Protein backbone atom coordinates (compact mmCIF):
# COMPACT_ATOMS: atom_id res chain seq x y z
CA MET A 1 -17.67 -10.98 -18.84
CA ASN A 2 -21.22 -11.65 -16.67
CA GLN A 3 -23.97 -9.58 -17.01
CA ASN A 4 -23.75 -7.37 -13.50
CA LEU A 5 -20.15 -6.34 -14.72
CA LYS A 6 -21.25 -5.70 -18.48
CA GLU A 7 -23.83 -3.21 -16.71
CA THR A 8 -21.01 -1.77 -14.17
CA ILE A 9 -18.46 -1.06 -16.89
CA HIS A 10 -18.39 1.21 -19.66
CA GLU A 11 -15.97 2.66 -21.96
CA ALA A 12 -16.60 6.60 -21.53
CA ALA A 13 -13.60 6.98 -24.15
CA ALA A 14 -10.70 4.99 -25.72
CA GLY A 15 -9.14 3.27 -23.14
CA VAL A 16 -10.69 4.84 -20.54
CA TYR A 17 -13.55 2.59 -18.44
CA ARG A 18 -16.14 4.21 -16.22
CA ILE A 19 -17.15 1.87 -13.43
CA LEU A 20 -20.11 2.15 -11.57
CA VAL A 21 -19.29 1.78 -7.87
CA PRO A 22 -22.62 1.90 -5.54
CA LEU A 23 -23.00 4.15 -2.61
CA PRO A 24 -25.56 2.26 -0.43
CA LYS A 25 -28.11 3.73 1.48
CA ASN A 26 -26.35 7.26 -0.34
CA PRO A 27 -28.67 9.89 -2.30
CA LEU A 28 -26.00 9.98 -4.65
CA ARG A 29 -26.29 5.95 -5.84
CA PHE A 30 -23.39 5.63 -7.64
CA LEU A 31 -19.46 6.93 -7.73
CA ASN A 32 -18.00 6.96 -11.59
CA ALA A 33 -14.61 5.73 -11.05
CA TYR A 34 -12.57 5.64 -14.00
CA LEU A 35 -9.75 3.49 -15.16
CA ILE A 36 -7.25 4.41 -17.48
CA ARG A 37 -5.68 1.16 -19.03
CA GLY A 38 -1.92 1.25 -19.85
CA ASP A 39 -0.29 0.65 -22.48
CA ALA A 40 3.65 -0.78 -23.17
CA ALA A 41 4.29 2.70 -24.63
CA HIS A 42 3.61 4.63 -21.80
CA GLY A 43 4.79 2.19 -19.09
CA GLY A 44 2.25 -0.35 -18.95
CA ARG A 45 0.73 1.06 -15.50
CA ASN A 46 -3.03 1.51 -15.00
CA LEU A 47 -4.50 4.67 -13.41
CA LEU A 48 -7.59 4.67 -11.48
CA ILE A 49 -9.38 7.85 -10.70
CA ASP A 50 -11.12 7.40 -7.47
CA THR A 51 -12.66 4.56 -5.41
CA GLY A 52 -15.83 4.73 -3.67
CA PHE A 53 -16.70 4.32 -0.04
CA ASN A 54 -14.88 2.12 2.81
CA ARG A 55 -17.52 -0.47 2.65
CA PRO A 56 -17.32 -4.16 1.39
CA GLU A 57 -20.15 -3.57 -1.29
CA CYS A 58 -18.03 -0.97 -3.35
CA GLU A 59 -14.81 -2.95 -2.80
CA THR A 60 -16.50 -6.47 -4.26
CA VAL A 61 -17.83 -4.24 -7.20
CA LEU A 62 -14.49 -2.66 -7.80
CA ARG A 63 -12.32 -5.48 -7.76
CA GLY A 64 -14.87 -7.51 -10.11
CA ALA A 65 -14.14 -4.61 -12.41
CA LEU A 66 -10.79 -4.41 -12.39
CA LYS A 67 -9.92 -8.08 -12.74
CA ALA A 68 -12.39 -8.02 -15.77
CA LEU A 69 -10.42 -4.92 -17.01
CA ASN A 70 -7.20 -7.06 -16.31
CA ALA A 71 -5.92 -4.53 -14.11
CA ASP A 72 -3.58 -5.73 -12.00
CA PRO A 73 -3.32 -3.91 -8.59
CA GLY A 74 0.47 -4.27 -8.76
CA GLY A 75 0.14 -2.35 -12.19
CA THR A 76 -2.05 0.19 -10.88
CA ASP A 77 -1.68 3.52 -9.51
CA ILE A 78 -4.77 5.82 -8.10
CA PHE A 79 -5.39 9.17 -8.33
CA VAL A 80 -7.49 10.92 -5.56
CA THR A 81 -9.61 13.81 -7.15
CA HIS A 82 -10.41 15.23 -3.73
CA LEU A 83 -11.11 14.74 0.08
CA HIS A 84 -14.46 13.03 0.32
CA SER A 85 -15.00 9.55 1.44
CA ASP A 86 -17.13 8.34 -1.55
CA HIS A 87 -14.01 9.25 -3.54
CA CYS A 88 -11.14 8.42 -1.51
CA GLY A 89 -12.34 5.96 1.17
CA LEU A 90 -11.32 2.42 -0.63
CA MET A 91 -7.96 3.68 -1.65
CA LYS A 92 -5.43 1.76 0.42
CA LYS A 93 -7.34 -1.39 0.07
CA MET A 94 -6.95 -0.77 -3.99
CA ALA A 95 -3.39 -0.26 -3.44
CA SER A 96 -0.40 -2.64 -3.81
CA ALA A 97 2.59 -1.94 -2.07
CA GLY A 98 4.02 -0.40 -5.37
CA SER A 99 1.33 1.88 -6.00
CA ARG A 100 1.34 5.32 -6.34
CA ILE A 101 -1.35 7.64 -4.78
CA TYR A 102 -1.66 10.98 -6.07
CA CYS A 103 -3.89 13.75 -4.60
CA SER A 104 -3.45 17.47 -4.09
CA LYS A 105 -1.38 18.32 -1.01
CA ALA A 106 -4.49 20.49 0.37
CA ASP A 107 -6.51 17.72 0.05
CA GLY A 108 -4.29 14.93 0.82
CA ASP A 109 -3.52 16.81 4.29
CA LEU A 110 -6.84 16.86 5.14
CA ILE A 111 -7.60 13.49 4.41
CA ASN A 112 -5.19 12.51 6.75
CA TYR A 113 -5.91 14.75 9.58
CA ALA A 114 -9.67 13.72 9.37
CA THR A 115 -8.35 10.35 10.73
CA THR A 116 -7.90 12.14 13.91
CA PRO A 117 -10.90 12.85 16.18
CA ALA A 118 -9.03 16.24 16.03
CA TYR A 119 -10.08 17.16 12.88
CA TRP A 120 -13.65 16.31 13.40
CA GLU A 121 -13.72 18.54 16.82
CA GLU A 122 -12.59 21.27 14.83
CA LEU A 123 -14.97 20.93 12.14
CA ASP A 124 -17.64 20.77 14.78
CA GLY A 125 -16.36 23.83 16.14
CA ILE A 126 -16.72 25.49 12.65
CA TYR A 127 -20.31 24.71 12.48
CA ALA A 128 -20.88 25.45 15.93
CA HIS A 129 -19.58 29.08 15.54
CA TYR A 130 -22.63 29.37 12.47
CA GLY A 131 -25.45 28.28 14.61
CA TYR A 132 -25.08 24.52 14.05
CA PRO A 133 -26.69 23.25 17.57
CA SER A 134 -24.45 20.62 19.56
CA ARG A 135 -25.76 17.21 20.57
CA GLY A 136 -23.07 16.56 23.51
CA LYS A 137 -20.95 14.61 21.04
CA THR A 138 -18.86 15.02 17.49
CA ASN A 139 -20.92 14.75 14.43
CA MET A 140 -18.49 12.26 12.90
CA GLU A 141 -20.50 9.54 14.52
CA ASN A 142 -23.37 10.39 11.86
CA HIS A 143 -21.11 11.60 8.93
CA PRO A 144 -19.89 9.10 6.24
CA GLY A 145 -16.55 11.15 5.91
CA TRP A 146 -15.62 9.22 9.07
CA GLU A 147 -17.81 6.18 8.68
CA TYR A 148 -16.62 5.13 5.56
CA ASN A 149 -13.46 6.47 4.98
CA VAL A 150 -9.78 5.63 5.18
CA ARG A 151 -8.91 4.96 9.06
CA GLU A 152 -5.11 5.26 8.90
CA LYS A 153 -2.78 7.89 7.09
CA VAL A 154 -1.51 7.87 3.39
CA ASN A 155 1.74 8.40 1.85
CA PHE A 156 0.38 10.41 -0.68
CA ILE A 157 2.46 11.91 -3.87
CA PRO A 158 1.33 15.62 -3.82
CA VAL A 159 0.10 17.01 -7.09
CA ASP A 160 0.44 20.46 -7.91
CA GLU A 161 -1.37 22.51 -10.40
CA GLY A 162 -0.27 22.04 -14.27
CA GLN A 163 1.72 18.89 -13.00
CA THR A 164 1.33 16.32 -16.04
CA MET A 165 1.68 12.60 -15.98
CA GLU A 166 1.08 9.71 -18.81
CA TYR A 167 -1.08 6.64 -18.63
CA GLY A 168 -2.61 4.59 -21.38
CA GLY A 169 -1.52 7.35 -24.45
CA TYR A 170 -3.13 10.32 -22.26
CA THR A 171 -1.27 13.27 -21.00
CA LEU A 172 -3.11 14.51 -18.07
CA ARG A 173 -2.43 18.19 -16.82
CA SER A 174 -4.01 18.73 -13.24
CA VAL A 175 -6.17 21.53 -12.97
CA TRP A 176 -6.89 22.81 -9.01
CA THR A 177 -10.45 23.91 -8.81
CA PRO A 178 -11.07 24.63 -4.99
CA GLY A 179 -14.63 25.08 -3.80
CA HIS A 180 -15.92 21.64 -3.67
CA THR A 181 -12.64 21.01 -1.26
CA PRO A 182 -10.02 23.32 -0.67
CA GLY A 183 -7.60 21.30 -3.03
CA HIS A 184 -10.20 19.46 -5.82
CA MET A 185 -8.09 18.42 -8.99
CA CYS A 186 -9.56 17.82 -12.17
CA LEU A 187 -7.35 15.98 -14.82
CA TYR A 188 -7.33 17.23 -18.64
CA ASP A 189 -5.65 16.03 -22.34
CA GLY A 190 -6.07 18.66 -24.15
CA SER A 191 -5.19 17.05 -27.14
CA LYS A 192 -8.11 14.76 -26.64
CA GLN A 193 -10.35 17.44 -25.19
CA LEU A 194 -11.35 15.20 -22.18
CA LEU A 195 -11.70 16.59 -18.41
CA PHE A 196 -12.18 14.09 -15.76
CA CYS A 197 -14.05 16.93 -13.70
CA ALA A 198 -14.86 14.75 -10.43
CA ASP A 199 -17.30 16.71 -8.45
CA HIS A 200 -16.49 20.34 -9.63
CA VAL A 201 -19.13 20.12 -12.59
CA LEU A 202 -21.78 17.45 -12.48
CA ASP A 203 -24.73 17.34 -14.77
CA ASP A 204 -28.36 16.46 -13.09
CA ILE A 205 -27.53 17.45 -9.41
CA THR A 206 -25.46 20.18 -8.50
CA PRO A 207 -22.06 20.02 -6.21
CA ASN A 208 -22.27 20.67 -2.39
CA ILE A 209 -20.08 23.70 -1.43
CA THR A 210 -19.88 24.00 1.60
CA VAL A 211 -17.38 25.31 4.23
CA GLU A 212 -13.89 23.17 5.17
CA VAL A 213 -11.16 23.62 7.39
CA GLY A 214 -9.05 26.18 6.02
CA MET A 215 -11.63 27.38 3.53
CA ASP A 216 -14.53 29.97 4.95
CA ASN A 217 -15.74 31.15 1.65
CA PRO A 218 -15.89 28.46 -0.61
CA LEU A 219 -18.47 29.48 -3.08
CA ARG A 220 -16.08 32.26 -4.11
CA LEU A 221 -13.40 29.75 -4.58
CA TYR A 222 -16.07 27.60 -6.71
CA LEU A 223 -17.35 30.07 -9.09
CA ASP A 224 -13.83 31.07 -9.74
CA SER A 225 -12.85 27.69 -10.33
CA LEU A 226 -15.86 27.44 -12.84
CA GLY A 227 -14.33 30.18 -14.82
CA LYS A 228 -11.18 28.57 -14.72
CA VAL A 229 -12.23 25.31 -16.58
CA GLU A 230 -14.84 26.96 -18.84
CA THR A 231 -11.94 28.17 -20.73
CA LEU A 232 -10.49 24.92 -21.73
CA ASP A 233 -11.74 23.04 -24.83
CA VAL A 234 -13.72 20.15 -23.24
CA ARG A 235 -15.62 17.63 -25.98
CA THR A 236 -15.97 14.95 -23.00
CA ALA A 237 -16.56 15.15 -19.88
CA LEU A 238 -16.26 12.77 -17.18
CA THR A 239 -17.95 13.42 -13.92
CA GLY A 240 -17.99 11.70 -10.71
CA HIS A 241 -21.57 10.94 -10.41
CA ARG A 242 -24.32 10.53 -12.89
CA ARG A 243 -23.97 11.35 -16.64
CA SER A 244 -21.93 13.34 -18.55
CA PRO A 245 -23.26 17.02 -19.82
CA ASP A 246 -24.09 17.25 -23.35
CA SER A 247 -22.79 20.46 -23.62
CA PHE A 248 -20.00 21.51 -20.91
CA ARG A 249 -20.13 25.10 -21.13
CA LYS A 250 -24.13 25.19 -20.94
CA ARG A 251 -23.72 23.10 -17.70
CA ILE A 252 -21.24 25.60 -16.43
CA ALA A 253 -23.64 28.23 -16.93
CA GLU A 254 -26.54 26.65 -15.09
CA LEU A 255 -24.30 25.62 -12.11
CA ARG A 256 -23.81 29.52 -11.68
CA ALA A 257 -27.37 30.77 -12.42
CA HIS A 258 -28.26 28.06 -9.82
CA HIS A 259 -25.76 29.61 -7.23
CA ILE A 260 -27.30 33.29 -8.09
CA ALA A 261 -30.77 31.97 -7.59
CA ARG A 262 -29.55 30.71 -3.82
CA LEU A 263 -27.85 33.71 -3.44
CA GLU A 264 -31.21 35.98 -4.26
CA GLU A 265 -33.41 33.15 -2.23
CA LEU A 266 -31.34 33.96 0.76
CA ILE A 267 -31.27 37.92 0.59
CA GLY A 268 -35.17 37.12 0.74
CA ILE A 269 -35.19 34.87 3.72
CA LEU A 270 -33.27 37.75 5.40
CA GLY A 271 -35.53 40.33 4.43
CA THR A 272 -37.62 39.39 7.95
CA ARG A 273 -34.91 39.10 10.65
CA ALA A 274 -31.62 38.72 11.40
CA MET A 275 -30.24 34.59 11.44
CA ASN A 276 -27.42 32.33 11.94
CA ALA A 277 -26.77 30.13 9.15
CA TYR A 278 -28.73 26.91 10.79
CA GLU A 279 -31.95 29.11 11.07
CA ALA A 280 -31.14 30.31 7.36
CA ALA A 281 -30.97 26.73 5.92
CA ALA A 282 -33.98 25.66 7.92
CA ALA A 283 -35.93 28.13 5.81
CA MET A 284 -34.25 27.70 2.55
CA HIS A 285 -36.00 25.59 -0.25
CA TRP A 286 -34.61 21.85 -0.60
CA ASP A 287 -35.06 19.06 -3.30
CA VAL A 288 -35.57 16.62 -0.93
CA SER A 289 -38.68 14.01 -0.24
CA PHE A 290 -39.04 15.63 3.67
CA ASP A 291 -41.59 17.93 3.94
CA ARG A 292 -40.12 19.40 7.40
CA TRP A 293 -36.87 20.56 8.29
CA GLU A 294 -37.54 18.70 11.53
CA ASP A 295 -37.45 15.40 9.66
CA PHE A 296 -34.62 15.68 7.65
CA PRO A 297 -31.75 13.48 8.92
CA LEU A 298 -28.66 14.71 10.82
CA SER A 299 -26.46 13.99 7.98
CA GLN A 300 -28.82 16.02 5.54
CA LYS A 301 -29.08 19.15 7.85
CA TRP A 302 -25.10 19.11 8.16
CA PHE A 303 -24.95 19.44 4.20
CA ALA A 304 -27.72 21.58 3.89
CA ALA A 305 -26.47 24.22 6.65
CA GLY A 306 -23.14 23.54 5.29
CA GLU A 307 -24.37 25.23 1.91
CA ALA A 308 -26.48 28.26 3.76
CA ILE A 309 -23.07 29.20 5.52
CA ALA A 310 -21.18 29.07 1.76
CA HIS A 311 -23.72 31.17 0.49
CA LEU A 312 -23.93 33.63 3.55
CA GLN A 313 -20.09 33.84 3.59
CA TYR A 314 -20.43 35.01 -0.06
CA LEU A 315 -22.66 37.37 0.13
CA TYR A 316 -21.04 39.03 3.30
CA GLY A 317 -17.67 38.78 1.67
CA GLU A 318 -19.35 40.66 -1.41
CA GLY A 319 -20.61 43.66 0.78
CA ARG A 320 -24.20 42.54 -0.01
CA ILE A 321 -25.50 41.69 3.78
CA ASN A 322 -23.88 42.46 6.86
CA ARG A 323 -22.62 39.98 9.51
CA PHE A 324 -22.30 40.18 13.53
CA GLU A 325 -21.46 38.11 16.32
CA SER A 326 -23.71 37.10 19.39
CA GLU A 327 -22.63 34.84 22.11
CA GLY A 328 -19.94 32.90 20.01
CA VAL A 329 -22.37 32.91 17.01
CA TYR A 330 -22.46 34.16 13.31
CA PHE A 331 -25.77 36.33 12.43
CA TYR A 332 -26.62 37.79 8.97
CA SER A 333 -28.76 40.51 8.21
CA ARG A 334 -29.48 42.76 5.39
CA ASP A 335 -29.46 46.00 7.71
């Protein structure tokens, strides 16, 4: 194995290999894809968990890593944790004719819907309802969810809550954790205290929580899902990005505290006047390298506005703020 591949592949647990897939020009920098190497006692098939963007840089690294791990595409199935293109963009290219591609029904349906302009038009309409400005064309042209995603529909095997699958000596139970996306799924082996948590729990960054087609209070769902995985006995949490947390429950407490602080920040911002979500996002603090909201790239404004929407909708749902509609746009206020 050459030096570059040695830096790309790490055995994260017995027979489980983390593959660092580059995400060019993206602040996340890398995706953690995982390969569970099959064994004869469990049918010999491998399981690849997530894939990276549909970009040649991602494909070259992932194919090289699978070859180094002797993971024949013909003997490898794919589990897609959720609909975002950094996790699912390459799935069609990495699959062979005999590969099974697993995904929750909710996110599988949205992945297939997102191959059409109708999805992006609907999503643009949702954002416009919260004050995101129209630029005369759909935002899909600036969104990595379109640019680097699969472009044709996928024949998924839908995965339900509590379903189990066996790969490489692991008995993996699916855990539905909506919030980051409507159908986000984790995989849990209770006997090994191992959780593949994808983007549900991340260590040194916080998962993006934003509205999505069919999901208008994502933060409520996300906080409920945090409580759900908090009950699991987890010694090893394998995340979708960056490093694994040293303490799973401590990290959950930190994520919960982060969102509580965000909610209080928005309460303070709304103390001045009624605002739509786009206006509120411009007034929030963001840990980015840009000093002014006007300098944010369009994609970053999109994600920031989505987070503002999620937090405002949560506050509205809890009865802590009011909401009214004016000329087709929602506005929020404390009075």
